[in-house]
Amino acid sequence: MLSILQVDGLAKRYGMLPSKVIREADSFDLYIMDCALTFEQYHHKKAANGGKDPLPDYTENELMNMIGKIKK
């Protein structure tokens, strides 16, 4: 399912038919799309947070693992 959404995302972003994306796109195109979407998502979260950097969404277990690594 993820690959279908990636093809759709590339097609929308670059105004191409999905069949053309499948024929012509490569892993570099997917890398660029991932970077661009991550950057856009960061700025959307920053705007929703009043212009401040968004806080990471760590779970309690992830935070405890980070603390455990520092204590070692």
N, C-alpha and C. Protein backbone atom coordinates (compact mmCIF):
# COMPACT_ATOMS: atom_id res chain seq x y z
N MET A 1 0.82 -1.20 0.00
CA MET A 1 0.00 0.00 0.00
C MET A 1 0.87 1.26 0.00
N LEU A 2 1.98 1.21 0.74
CA LEU A 2 2.85 2.38 0.81
C LEU A 2 3.38 2.74 -0.57
N SER A 3 3.76 1.76 -1.37
CA SER A 3 4.31 2.06 -2.68
C SER A 3 3.27 2.72 -3.58
N ILE A 4 2.01 2.34 -3.44
CA ILE A 4 0.95 2.98 -4.22
C ILE A 4 0.83 4.44 -3.83
N LEU A 5 0.91 4.73 -2.53
CA LEU A 5 0.83 6.11 -2.07
C LEU A 5 2.05 6.91 -2.51
N GLN A 6 3.21 6.27 -2.56
CA GLN A 6 4.41 6.96 -3.03
C GLN A 6 4.28 7.32 -4.51
N VAL A 7 3.79 6.37 -5.31
CA VAL A 7 3.58 6.64 -6.74
C VAL A 7 2.58 7.78 -6.90
N ASP A 8 1.49 7.74 -6.14
CA ASP A 8 0.49 8.80 -6.21
C ASP A 8 1.09 10.14 -5.80
N GLY A 9 1.88 10.15 -4.73
CA GLY A 9 2.50 11.39 -4.28
C GLY A 9 3.44 11.99 -5.32
N LEU A 10 4.25 11.14 -5.95
CA LEU A 10 5.15 11.62 -7.00
C LEU A 10 4.35 12.15 -8.18
N ALA A 11 3.31 11.42 -8.56
CA ALA A 11 2.50 11.84 -9.70
C ALA A 11 1.84 13.19 -9.43
N LYS A 12 1.29 13.37 -8.24
CA LYS A 12 0.65 14.66 -7.90
C LYS A 12 1.68 15.79 -7.87
N ARG A 13 2.80 15.54 -7.22
CA ARG A 13 3.81 16.58 -7.05
C ARG A 13 4.36 17.06 -8.39
N TYR A 14 4.57 16.13 -9.32
CA TYR A 14 5.22 16.48 -10.58
C TYR A 14 4.28 16.49 -11.77
N GLY A 15 2.97 16.35 -11.53
CA GLY A 15 2.00 16.45 -12.60
C GLY A 15 2.17 15.38 -13.67
N MET A 16 2.40 14.15 -13.22
CA MET A 16 2.58 13.04 -14.16
C MET A 16 1.52 11.98 -13.90
N LEU A 17 1.25 11.18 -14.90
CA LEU A 17 0.39 10.03 -14.71
C LEU A 17 1.15 8.97 -13.90
N PRO A 18 0.45 8.24 -13.05
CA PRO A 18 1.12 7.19 -12.26
C PRO A 18 1.88 6.19 -13.13
N SER A 19 1.35 5.87 -14.31
CA SER A 19 2.05 4.92 -15.19
C SER A 19 3.40 5.48 -15.65
N LYS A 20 3.47 6.78 -15.86
CA LYS A 20 4.74 7.40 -16.24
C LYS A 20 5.71 7.41 -15.07
N VAL A 21 5.19 7.63 -13.86
CA VAL A 21 6.04 7.58 -12.67
C VAL A 21 6.63 6.18 -12.52
N ILE A 22 5.81 5.16 -12.71
CA ILE A 22 6.29 3.78 -12.57
C ILE A 22 7.38 3.49 -13.60
N ARG A 23 7.22 3.99 -14.82
CA ARG A 23 8.22 3.75 -15.87
C ARG A 23 9.51 4.53 -15.65
N GLU A 24 9.40 5.76 -15.13
CA GLU A 24 10.56 6.65 -15.15
C GLU A 24 11.18 6.96 -13.78
N ALA A 25 10.42 6.85 -12.71
CA ALA A 25 10.96 7.23 -11.40
C ALA A 25 11.92 6.18 -10.87
N ASP A 26 12.85 6.62 -10.04
CA ASP A 26 13.78 5.68 -9.40
C ASP A 26 13.86 5.99 -7.90
N SER A 27 14.77 5.32 -7.21
CA SER A 27 14.84 5.48 -5.75
C SER A 27 15.26 6.89 -5.35
N PHE A 28 16.02 7.57 -6.20
CA PHE A 28 16.41 8.95 -5.90
C PHE A 28 15.18 9.85 -5.85
N ASP A 29 14.23 9.63 -6.76
CA ASP A 29 12.99 10.40 -6.76
C ASP A 29 12.22 10.17 -5.46
N LEU A 30 12.17 8.93 -5.00
CA LEU A 30 11.49 8.62 -3.73
C LEU A 30 12.20 9.29 -2.56
N TYR A 31 13.52 9.31 -2.58
CA TYR A 31 14.30 9.96 -1.53
C TYR A 31 13.98 11.45 -1.47
N ILE A 32 13.96 12.10 -2.62
CA ILE A 32 13.68 13.54 -2.68
C ILE A 32 12.26 13.81 -2.19
N MET A 33 11.29 12.98 -2.60
CA MET A 33 9.91 13.17 -2.16
C MET A 33 9.81 13.02 -0.65
N ASP A 34 10.49 12.02 -0.09
CA ASP A 34 10.46 11.82 1.36
C ASP A 34 11.04 13.03 2.09
N CYS A 35 12.15 13.54 1.62
CA CYS A 35 12.75 14.73 2.25
C CYS A 35 11.82 15.93 2.16
N ALA A 36 11.22 16.14 1.00
CA ALA A 36 10.34 17.29 0.80
C ALA A 36 9.10 17.20 1.69
N LEU A 37 8.51 16.00 1.77
CA LEU A 37 7.31 15.84 2.61
C LEU A 37 7.64 15.99 4.09
N THR A 38 8.79 15.48 4.51
CA THR A 38 9.22 15.63 5.90
C THR A 38 9.42 17.10 6.24
N PHE A 39 10.04 17.84 5.33
CA PHE A 39 10.27 19.27 5.52
C PHE A 39 8.95 20.03 5.60
N GLU A 40 8.02 19.71 4.70
CA GLU A 40 6.70 20.36 4.73
C GLU A 40 5.97 20.05 6.03
N GLN A 41 6.03 18.79 6.46
CA GLN A 41 5.35 18.39 7.70
C GLN A 41 5.93 19.15 8.90
N TYR A 42 7.24 19.31 8.93
CA TYR A 42 7.89 20.06 10.01
C TYR A 42 7.35 21.50 10.05
N HIS A 43 7.26 22.14 8.90
CA HIS A 43 6.80 23.53 8.87
C HIS A 43 5.32 23.65 9.21
N HIS A 44 4.52 22.66 8.85
CA HIS A 44 3.11 22.67 9.25
C HIS A 44 2.98 22.56 10.77
N LYS A 45 3.77 21.66 11.35
CA LYS A 45 3.73 21.51 12.81
C LYS A 45 4.24 22.76 13.51
N LYS A 46 5.28 23.38 12.93
CA LYS A 46 5.83 24.60 13.52
C LYS A 46 4.80 25.73 13.47
N ALA A 47 4.10 25.85 12.36
CA ALA A 47 3.07 26.88 12.23
C ALA A 47 1.93 26.64 13.22
N ALA A 48 1.57 25.37 13.41
CA ALA A 48 0.50 25.04 14.35
C ALA A 48 0.92 25.24 15.80
N ASN A 49 2.24 25.33 16.04
CA ASN A 49 2.78 25.50 17.38
C ASN A 49 3.16 26.95 17.65
N GLY A 50 2.57 27.87 16.91
CA GLY A 50 2.83 29.29 17.13
C GLY A 50 4.20 29.75 16.69
N GLY A 51 4.80 29.09 15.71
CA GLY A 51 6.12 29.47 15.22
C GLY A 51 7.27 28.86 15.98
N LYS A 52 6.97 28.11 17.03
CA LYS A 52 8.03 27.44 17.80
C LYS A 52 8.28 26.07 17.21
N ASP A 53 9.52 25.58 17.38
CA ASP A 53 9.83 24.24 16.89
C ASP A 53 8.90 23.22 17.54
N PRO A 54 8.38 22.29 16.75
CA PRO A 54 7.47 21.28 17.32
C PRO A 54 8.22 20.32 18.23
N LEU A 55 7.52 19.84 19.24
CA LEU A 55 8.11 18.87 20.14
C LEU A 55 8.05 17.48 19.53
N PRO A 56 9.10 16.67 19.72
CA PRO A 56 9.06 15.31 19.18
C PRO A 56 7.99 14.47 19.87
N ASP A 57 7.48 13.49 19.15
CA ASP A 57 6.43 12.61 19.68
C ASP A 57 7.04 11.30 20.19
N TYR A 58 7.83 11.38 21.25
CA TYR A 58 8.43 10.18 21.83
C TYR A 58 7.48 9.54 22.83
N THR A 59 7.50 8.22 22.86
CA THR A 59 6.73 7.51 23.89
C THR A 59 7.55 7.49 25.17
N GLU A 60 6.92 7.15 26.27
CA GLU A 60 7.62 7.07 27.55
C GLU A 60 8.74 6.03 27.48
N ASN A 61 8.49 4.91 26.81
CA ASN A 61 9.52 3.87 26.70
C ASN A 61 10.72 4.35 25.89
N GLU A 62 10.47 5.10 24.82
CA GLU A 62 11.58 5.63 24.03
C GLU A 62 12.43 6.59 24.87
N LEU A 63 11.79 7.43 25.66
CA LEU A 63 12.52 8.35 26.52
C LEU A 63 13.32 7.60 27.58
N MET A 64 12.73 6.57 28.16
CA MET A 64 13.45 5.79 29.17
C MET A 64 14.65 5.08 28.55
N ASN A 65 14.53 4.59 27.32
CA ASN A 65 15.67 3.96 26.64
C ASN A 65 16.78 4.97 26.39
N MET A 66 16.43 6.19 26.04
CA MET A 66 17.42 7.24 25.83
C MET A 66 18.17 7.54 27.13
N ILE A 67 17.42 7.63 28.22
CA ILE A 67 18.05 7.89 29.52
C ILE A 67 18.96 6.73 29.89
N GLY A 68 18.50 5.50 29.64
CA GLY A 68 19.31 4.32 29.94
C GLY A 68 20.62 4.30 29.18
N LYS A 69 20.61 4.73 27.93
CA LYS A 69 21.83 4.76 27.13
C LYS A 69 22.83 5.79 27.67
N ILE A 70 22.31 6.91 28.19
CA ILE A 70 23.18 7.94 28.73
C ILE A 70 23.84 7.48 30.03
N LYS A 71 23.09 6.75 30.85
CA LYS A 71 23.59 6.31 32.15
C LYS A 71 24.67 5.22 32.01
N LYS A 72 24.73 4.54 30.87
CA LYS A 72 25.69 3.43 30.70
C LYS A 72 27.08 3.92 30.51
